[in-house]
N, C-alpha and C. Protein backbone atom coordinates (compact mmCIF):
# COMPACT_ATOMS: atom_id res chain seq x y z
N UNK A 1 -81.55 -36.37 -140.14
CA UNK A 1 -80.14 -36.94 -140.24
C UNK A 1 -79.31 -36.20 -139.32
N UNK A 2 -78.41 -36.82 -138.57
CA UNK A 2 -77.64 -36.27 -137.53
C UNK A 2 -76.52 -35.42 -138.25
N UNK A 3 -76.14 -34.40 -137.45
CA UNK A 3 -75.04 -33.50 -138.09
C UNK A 3 -73.83 -34.34 -138.31
N UNK A 4 -73.46 -35.41 -137.71
CA UNK A 4 -72.34 -36.25 -137.94
C UNK A 4 -72.47 -36.86 -139.32
N UNK A 5 -73.63 -37.25 -139.64
CA UNK A 5 -73.89 -37.85 -141.02
C UNK A 5 -73.65 -36.82 -142.12
N UNK A 6 -74.14 -35.57 -141.82
CA UNK A 6 -73.98 -34.53 -142.84
C UNK A 6 -72.50 -34.21 -143.00
N UNK A 7 -71.72 -34.10 -141.90
CA UNK A 7 -70.26 -33.89 -142.07
C UNK A 7 -69.63 -35.04 -142.74
N UNK A 8 -69.87 -36.31 -142.45
CA UNK A 8 -69.22 -37.39 -143.02
C UNK A 8 -69.54 -37.32 -144.52
N UNK A 9 -70.77 -37.13 -145.05
CA UNK A 9 -71.07 -37.05 -146.51
C UNK A 9 -70.32 -35.90 -147.11
N UNK A 10 -70.26 -34.73 -146.48
CA UNK A 10 -69.69 -33.66 -147.00
C UNK A 10 -68.12 -33.96 -147.20
N UNK A 11 -67.50 -34.53 -146.13
CA UNK A 11 -66.10 -34.94 -146.26
C UNK A 11 -65.88 -35.93 -147.43
N UNK A 12 -66.74 -36.88 -147.58
CA UNK A 12 -66.62 -37.85 -148.62
C UNK A 12 -66.66 -37.13 -150.04
N UNK A 13 -67.52 -36.21 -150.19
CA UNK A 13 -67.70 -35.44 -151.43
C UNK A 13 -66.43 -34.55 -151.67
N UNK A 14 -65.84 -34.00 -150.71
CA UNK A 14 -64.57 -33.22 -150.80
C UNK A 14 -63.39 -33.98 -151.14
N UNK A 15 -63.34 -35.26 -150.72
CA UNK A 15 -62.18 -36.03 -150.99
C UNK A 15 -62.35 -36.64 -152.38
N UNK A 16 -61.38 -36.53 -153.26
CA UNK A 16 -61.46 -37.03 -154.56
C UNK A 16 -61.66 -38.50 -154.66
N UNK A 17 -60.99 -39.24 -153.73
CA UNK A 17 -61.13 -40.75 -153.77
C UNK A 17 -62.47 -41.22 -153.44
N UNK A 18 -63.26 -40.47 -152.55
CA UNK A 18 -64.61 -40.84 -152.14
C UNK A 18 -65.77 -40.02 -152.67
N UNK A 19 -65.41 -39.20 -153.66
CA UNK A 19 -66.39 -38.23 -154.08
C UNK A 19 -67.63 -38.93 -154.75
N UNK A 20 -67.48 -39.85 -155.54
CA UNK A 20 -68.49 -40.54 -156.16
C UNK A 20 -69.44 -41.11 -155.09
N UNK A 21 -68.78 -41.77 -154.15
CA UNK A 21 -69.62 -42.51 -152.98
C UNK A 21 -70.34 -41.45 -152.31
N UNK A 22 -69.72 -40.32 -151.87
CA UNK A 22 -70.35 -39.21 -151.13
C UNK A 22 -71.45 -38.62 -151.92
N UNK A 23 -71.38 -38.47 -153.23
CA UNK A 23 -72.57 -37.96 -154.04
C UNK A 23 -73.64 -39.07 -154.02
N UNK A 24 -73.33 -40.27 -154.15
CA UNK A 24 -74.28 -41.20 -154.03
C UNK A 24 -75.04 -41.22 -152.69
N UNK A 25 -74.24 -41.06 -151.69
CA UNK A 25 -74.93 -40.87 -150.30
C UNK A 25 -75.84 -39.80 -150.22
N UNK A 26 -75.39 -38.77 -150.69
CA UNK A 26 -76.21 -37.47 -150.75
C UNK A 26 -77.56 -37.78 -151.43
N UNK A 27 -77.42 -38.35 -152.55
CA UNK A 27 -78.73 -38.70 -153.39
C UNK A 27 -79.49 -39.65 -152.65
N UNK A 28 -79.00 -40.72 -152.11
CA UNK A 28 -79.76 -41.75 -151.37
C UNK A 28 -80.35 -41.18 -150.07
N UNK A 29 -79.73 -40.40 -149.40
CA UNK A 29 -80.26 -39.79 -148.16
C UNK A 29 -81.37 -38.76 -148.49
N UNK A 30 -81.09 -38.09 -149.49
CA UNK A 30 -82.30 -37.04 -149.79
C UNK A 30 -83.43 -37.82 -150.44
N UNK A 31 -83.25 -38.69 -151.25
CA UNK A 31 -84.42 -39.40 -151.68
C UNK A 31 -85.22 -40.23 -150.58
N UNK A 32 -84.42 -40.75 -149.67
CA UNK A 32 -85.05 -41.50 -148.54
C UNK A 32 -85.80 -40.53 -147.74
N UNK A 33 -85.24 -39.44 -147.30
CA UNK A 33 -85.84 -38.47 -146.48
C UNK A 33 -87.07 -37.91 -147.09
N UNK A 34 -87.04 -37.54 -148.40
CA UNK A 34 -88.18 -36.92 -149.07
C UNK A 34 -89.33 -37.91 -149.33
N UNK A 35 -88.91 -39.23 -149.60
CA UNK A 35 -89.92 -40.16 -149.66
C UNK A 35 -90.64 -40.47 -148.28
N UNK A 36 -89.87 -40.52 -147.35
CA UNK A 36 -90.31 -40.69 -145.92
C UNK A 36 -91.30 -39.48 -145.66
N UNK A 37 -90.98 -38.36 -145.85
CA UNK A 37 -91.76 -37.28 -145.53
C UNK A 37 -93.10 -37.23 -146.29
N UNK A 38 -93.02 -37.53 -147.64
CA UNK A 38 -94.29 -37.74 -148.51
C UNK A 38 -95.25 -38.76 -147.82
N UNK A 39 -94.66 -39.97 -147.61
CA UNK A 39 -95.44 -41.06 -146.98
C UNK A 39 -96.01 -40.65 -145.57
N UNK A 40 -95.23 -40.07 -144.75
CA UNK A 40 -95.57 -39.64 -143.48
C UNK A 40 -96.79 -38.67 -143.52
N UNK A 41 -96.71 -37.63 -144.37
CA UNK A 41 -97.78 -36.71 -144.56
C UNK A 41 -99.10 -37.35 -144.99
N UNK A 42 -98.95 -38.46 -145.88
CA UNK A 42 -100.22 -39.03 -146.28
C UNK A 42 -100.67 -40.00 -145.21
N UNK A 43 -99.92 -40.72 -144.57
CA UNK A 43 -100.43 -41.74 -143.61
C UNK A 43 -100.90 -41.04 -142.30
N UNK A 44 -100.18 -39.97 -141.93
CA UNK A 44 -100.66 -39.24 -140.67
C UNK A 44 -100.74 -40.11 -139.50
N UNK A 45 -99.93 -41.01 -139.35
CA UNK A 45 -99.96 -41.98 -138.08
C UNK A 45 -99.20 -41.24 -137.10
N UNK A 46 -99.84 -40.93 -135.90
CA UNK A 46 -99.35 -40.11 -134.83
C UNK A 46 -97.99 -40.62 -134.25
N UNK A 47 -97.25 -39.70 -133.73
CA UNK A 47 -96.00 -40.18 -132.95
C UNK A 47 -96.42 -40.50 -131.55
N UNK A 48 -95.64 -41.26 -130.90
CA UNK A 48 -95.83 -41.29 -129.40
C UNK A 48 -95.61 -40.01 -128.62
N UNK A 49 -96.24 -39.80 -127.53
CA UNK A 49 -96.02 -38.60 -126.69
C UNK A 49 -96.83 -37.43 -127.27
N UNK A 50 -96.16 -36.30 -127.10
CA UNK A 50 -96.92 -35.02 -127.37
C UNK A 50 -96.44 -34.51 -128.79
N UNK A 51 -95.55 -35.08 -129.47
CA UNK A 51 -94.95 -34.55 -130.79
C UNK A 51 -96.19 -34.50 -131.83
N UNK A 52 -96.16 -33.38 -132.57
CA UNK A 52 -97.24 -33.12 -133.47
C UNK A 52 -96.68 -33.57 -134.82
N UNK A 53 -97.56 -34.18 -135.72
CA UNK A 53 -97.01 -34.69 -136.96
C UNK A 53 -96.87 -36.14 -136.93
N UNK A 54 -96.79 -36.64 -138.24
CA UNK A 54 -96.68 -38.13 -138.31
C UNK A 54 -95.28 -38.72 -138.06
N UNK A 55 -95.32 -40.00 -137.66
CA UNK A 55 -94.14 -40.66 -137.45
C UNK A 55 -93.79 -41.82 -138.18
N UNK A 56 -94.72 -42.27 -139.11
CA UNK A 56 -94.39 -43.46 -139.87
C UNK A 56 -94.28 -43.02 -141.42
N UNK A 57 -93.17 -43.28 -142.06
CA UNK A 57 -91.92 -43.74 -141.50
C UNK A 57 -91.06 -42.63 -141.01
N UNK A 58 -90.09 -43.14 -140.17
CA UNK A 58 -89.09 -42.15 -139.69
C UNK A 58 -88.25 -41.66 -140.68
N UNK A 59 -88.17 -40.31 -140.83
CA UNK A 59 -87.17 -39.62 -141.89
C UNK A 59 -85.72 -39.82 -141.49
N UNK A 60 -85.52 -39.75 -140.14
CA UNK A 60 -84.10 -39.96 -139.62
C UNK A 60 -83.59 -41.41 -139.98
N UNK A 61 -84.42 -42.31 -139.67
CA UNK A 61 -84.03 -43.74 -140.02
C UNK A 61 -83.96 -43.96 -141.44
N UNK A 62 -84.75 -43.34 -142.34
CA UNK A 62 -84.78 -43.64 -143.75
C UNK A 62 -83.39 -42.96 -144.28
N UNK A 63 -83.06 -41.77 -143.89
CA UNK A 63 -81.89 -41.15 -144.34
C UNK A 63 -80.65 -41.87 -143.93
N UNK A 64 -80.53 -42.11 -142.59
CA UNK A 64 -79.39 -42.73 -142.04
C UNK A 64 -79.14 -44.14 -142.68
N UNK A 65 -80.14 -44.93 -142.75
CA UNK A 65 -79.97 -46.33 -143.36
C UNK A 65 -79.53 -46.13 -144.81
N UNK A 66 -80.16 -45.25 -145.50
CA UNK A 66 -79.83 -45.02 -146.94
C UNK A 66 -78.23 -44.62 -147.07
N UNK A 67 -77.82 -43.65 -146.34
CA UNK A 67 -76.44 -43.19 -146.32
C UNK A 67 -75.52 -44.36 -146.00
N UNK A 68 -75.93 -44.99 -144.81
CA UNK A 68 -74.93 -46.09 -144.42
C UNK A 68 -74.77 -47.16 -145.45
N UNK A 69 -75.93 -47.51 -145.97
CA UNK A 69 -75.85 -48.66 -146.94
C UNK A 69 -74.96 -48.12 -148.24
N UNK A 70 -75.34 -47.03 -148.59
CA UNK A 70 -74.52 -46.49 -149.79
C UNK A 70 -73.17 -46.27 -149.51
N UNK A 71 -72.68 -45.83 -148.41
CA UNK A 71 -71.39 -45.67 -148.02
C UNK A 71 -70.59 -47.05 -147.98
N UNK A 72 -71.35 -47.94 -147.49
CA UNK A 72 -70.75 -49.35 -147.35
C UNK A 72 -70.29 -49.85 -148.68
N UNK A 73 -71.04 -49.45 -149.63
CA UNK A 73 -70.68 -50.02 -151.05
C UNK A 73 -69.44 -49.44 -151.62
N UNK A 74 -69.13 -48.19 -151.30
CA UNK A 74 -67.97 -47.58 -151.87
C UNK A 74 -66.78 -47.28 -150.93
N UNK A 75 -67.17 -47.17 -149.61
CA UNK A 75 -66.11 -46.92 -148.55
C UNK A 75 -66.56 -47.77 -147.25
N UNK A 76 -66.16 -49.11 -147.41
CA UNK A 76 -66.56 -50.07 -146.46
C UNK A 76 -66.44 -49.71 -145.03
N UNK A 77 -65.18 -49.25 -144.68
CA UNK A 77 -64.99 -48.77 -143.25
C UNK A 77 -65.84 -47.67 -142.79
N UNK A 78 -66.11 -46.72 -143.66
CA UNK A 78 -67.00 -45.53 -143.39
C UNK A 78 -68.50 -46.09 -143.18
N UNK A 79 -68.85 -47.00 -144.21
CA UNK A 79 -70.07 -47.60 -144.19
C UNK A 79 -70.38 -48.39 -142.83
N UNK A 80 -69.51 -49.13 -142.38
CA UNK A 80 -69.58 -49.93 -141.16
C UNK A 80 -69.80 -48.84 -139.94
N UNK A 81 -68.96 -47.82 -139.94
CA UNK A 81 -69.17 -46.89 -138.82
C UNK A 81 -70.51 -46.13 -138.89
N UNK A 82 -70.82 -45.93 -140.08
CA UNK A 82 -72.22 -45.16 -140.21
C UNK A 82 -73.42 -46.19 -139.88
N UNK A 83 -73.12 -47.31 -140.26
CA UNK A 83 -74.27 -48.34 -139.84
C UNK A 83 -74.38 -48.37 -138.33
N UNK A 84 -73.28 -48.52 -137.59
CA UNK A 84 -73.37 -48.44 -136.10
C UNK A 84 -74.03 -47.19 -135.55
N UNK A 85 -73.53 -46.09 -136.17
CA UNK A 85 -74.20 -44.82 -135.73
C UNK A 85 -75.66 -44.73 -136.10
N UNK A 86 -76.10 -45.27 -137.25
CA UNK A 86 -77.46 -45.30 -137.60
C UNK A 86 -78.17 -46.17 -136.67
N UNK A 87 -77.82 -47.31 -136.31
CA UNK A 87 -78.48 -48.20 -135.46
C UNK A 87 -78.60 -47.50 -134.05
N UNK A 88 -77.50 -46.92 -133.60
CA UNK A 88 -77.62 -46.31 -132.23
C UNK A 88 -78.70 -45.19 -132.31
N UNK A 89 -78.60 -44.27 -133.24
CA UNK A 89 -79.57 -43.22 -133.40
C UNK A 89 -80.92 -43.67 -133.59
N UNK A 90 -81.20 -44.73 -134.25
CA UNK A 90 -82.52 -45.42 -134.29
C UNK A 90 -83.04 -45.80 -132.92
N UNK A 91 -82.21 -46.48 -132.18
CA UNK A 91 -82.56 -46.96 -130.90
C UNK A 91 -82.81 -45.77 -129.98
N UNK A 92 -82.08 -44.78 -130.10
CA UNK A 92 -82.13 -43.58 -129.20
C UNK A 92 -83.53 -42.92 -129.50
N UNK A 93 -83.99 -42.89 -130.79
CA UNK A 93 -85.34 -42.25 -131.10
C UNK A 93 -86.42 -42.99 -130.45
N UNK A 94 -86.27 -44.36 -130.38
CA UNK A 94 -87.31 -45.28 -129.74
C UNK A 94 -87.33 -44.97 -128.22
N UNK A 95 -86.05 -45.03 -127.62
CA UNK A 95 -85.91 -44.83 -126.19
C UNK A 95 -86.35 -43.42 -125.77
N UNK A 96 -86.21 -42.48 -126.64
CA UNK A 96 -86.62 -41.04 -126.28
C UNK A 96 -88.11 -40.85 -126.59
N UNK A 97 -88.84 -41.94 -127.06
CA UNK A 97 -90.31 -41.87 -127.35
C UNK A 97 -90.49 -40.85 -128.48
N UNK A 98 -89.54 -40.70 -129.33
CA UNK A 98 -89.76 -39.89 -130.55
C UNK A 98 -90.45 -40.63 -131.56
N UNK A 99 -90.22 -41.91 -131.62
CA UNK A 99 -90.88 -42.86 -132.57
C UNK A 99 -91.17 -44.18 -132.00
N UNK A 100 -92.19 -44.89 -132.57
CA UNK A 100 -92.47 -46.24 -132.21
C UNK A 100 -91.43 -47.09 -132.98
N UNK A 101 -91.15 -48.40 -132.53
CA UNK A 101 -90.30 -49.25 -133.34
C UNK A 101 -90.74 -49.42 -134.75
N UNK A 102 -92.03 -49.49 -135.01
CA UNK A 102 -92.52 -49.68 -136.34
C UNK A 102 -92.22 -48.47 -137.16
N UNK A 103 -92.10 -47.36 -136.68
CA UNK A 103 -91.76 -46.04 -137.50
C UNK A 103 -90.17 -46.28 -137.89
N UNK A 104 -89.46 -46.64 -136.98
CA UNK A 104 -87.95 -46.85 -137.18
C UNK A 104 -87.87 -48.01 -138.19
N UNK A 105 -88.47 -49.14 -138.09
CA UNK A 105 -88.28 -50.25 -138.99
C UNK A 105 -88.81 -49.88 -140.46
N UNK A 106 -89.89 -49.18 -140.47
CA UNK A 106 -90.41 -48.68 -141.87
C UNK A 106 -89.40 -47.70 -142.51
N UNK A 107 -88.82 -46.75 -141.65
CA UNK A 107 -87.90 -45.83 -142.20
C UNK A 107 -86.63 -46.43 -142.70
N UNK A 108 -86.13 -47.37 -141.78
CA UNK A 108 -84.98 -48.14 -142.30
C UNK A 108 -85.24 -48.91 -143.56
N UNK A 109 -86.20 -49.54 -143.78
CA UNK A 109 -86.58 -50.34 -144.97
C UNK A 109 -86.64 -49.32 -146.15
N UNK A 110 -87.23 -48.27 -146.02
CA UNK A 110 -87.37 -47.24 -147.01
C UNK A 110 -86.03 -46.72 -147.35
N UNK A 111 -85.13 -46.48 -146.39
CA UNK A 111 -83.76 -46.16 -146.72
C UNK A 111 -82.91 -47.17 -147.38
N UNK A 112 -83.09 -48.39 -147.10
CA UNK A 112 -82.40 -49.44 -147.83
C UNK A 112 -82.85 -49.53 -149.25
N UNK A 113 -84.22 -49.38 -149.46
CA UNK A 113 -84.71 -49.43 -150.84
C UNK A 113 -84.23 -48.22 -151.68
N UNK A 114 -84.09 -47.07 -150.93
CA UNK A 114 -83.56 -45.88 -151.54
C UNK A 114 -82.15 -46.08 -151.99
N UNK A 115 -81.36 -46.63 -151.13
CA UNK A 115 -79.96 -46.90 -151.49
C UNK A 115 -79.70 -47.87 -152.72
N UNK A 116 -80.64 -48.83 -152.63
CA UNK A 116 -80.61 -49.91 -153.78
C UNK A 116 -80.98 -49.10 -155.05
N UNK A 117 -82.03 -48.25 -155.03
CA UNK A 117 -82.48 -47.54 -156.26
C UNK A 117 -81.34 -46.64 -156.75
N UNK A 118 -80.59 -45.91 -155.95
CA UNK A 118 -79.54 -44.97 -156.38
C UNK A 118 -78.38 -45.85 -156.87
N UNK A 119 -78.06 -46.94 -156.21
CA UNK A 119 -77.05 -47.84 -156.75
C UNK A 119 -77.41 -48.31 -158.17
N UNK A 120 -78.66 -48.77 -158.35
CA UNK A 120 -79.05 -49.18 -159.69
C UNK A 120 -78.94 -48.13 -160.75
N UNK A 121 -79.50 -46.94 -160.33
CA UNK A 121 -79.49 -45.82 -161.36
C UNK A 121 -77.99 -45.38 -161.57
N UNK A 122 -77.17 -45.53 -160.63
CA UNK A 122 -75.65 -45.06 -160.78
C UNK A 122 -74.88 -46.19 -161.47
N UNK A 123 -75.51 -47.41 -161.58
CA UNK A 123 -74.74 -48.47 -162.34
C UNK A 123 -73.76 -49.16 -161.35
N UNK A 124 -73.94 -49.17 -160.03
CA UNK A 124 -73.08 -49.73 -159.13
C UNK A 124 -73.43 -51.01 -158.57
N UNK A 125 -74.60 -51.66 -159.09
CA UNK A 125 -75.00 -52.94 -158.63
C UNK A 125 -74.94 -53.92 -159.71
N UNK A 126 -74.37 -53.69 -160.85
CA UNK A 126 -74.21 -54.63 -161.99
C UNK A 126 -73.66 -55.92 -161.54
N UNK A 127 -74.31 -56.93 -161.90
CA UNK A 127 -73.80 -58.27 -161.68
C UNK A 127 -73.98 -58.71 -160.21
N UNK A 128 -74.63 -58.00 -159.41
CA UNK A 128 -74.85 -58.36 -158.09
C UNK A 128 -76.38 -58.50 -157.78
N UNK A 129 -76.95 -59.55 -158.47
CA UNK A 129 -78.43 -59.84 -158.22
C UNK A 129 -78.59 -60.13 -156.75
N UNK A 130 -79.66 -59.73 -156.17
CA UNK A 130 -79.94 -59.98 -154.71
C UNK A 130 -79.08 -59.11 -153.76
N UNK A 131 -78.29 -58.30 -154.26
CA UNK A 131 -77.46 -57.49 -153.32
C UNK A 131 -78.30 -56.35 -152.80
């Protein structure tokens, strides 16, 4: 996850008005990143180039997608900005040959699933079937 996302989540947690959203973002990002790491270690799909270690799914894509989606639910403007940042970061990782597009897509999907799981556990998705 980029330092900008870490700072944004920390700021949300420190501000009373966005604290609950920030804590949900933290939970979703950690869950997504840890899940991606566990899957990546099991799958052992190589990264492009000389990088050692697995690349599928991308931990960066998983965490940033989870945080952006979670932020959008509680702080829409922040969520939109984070979604743009996440998309740019994901594209940059492919352009820099850090990941294949499939790594990024799998990471983003895992991140969105993590965001949904955190929302359901936190009670934020009541009455929004299919959201």
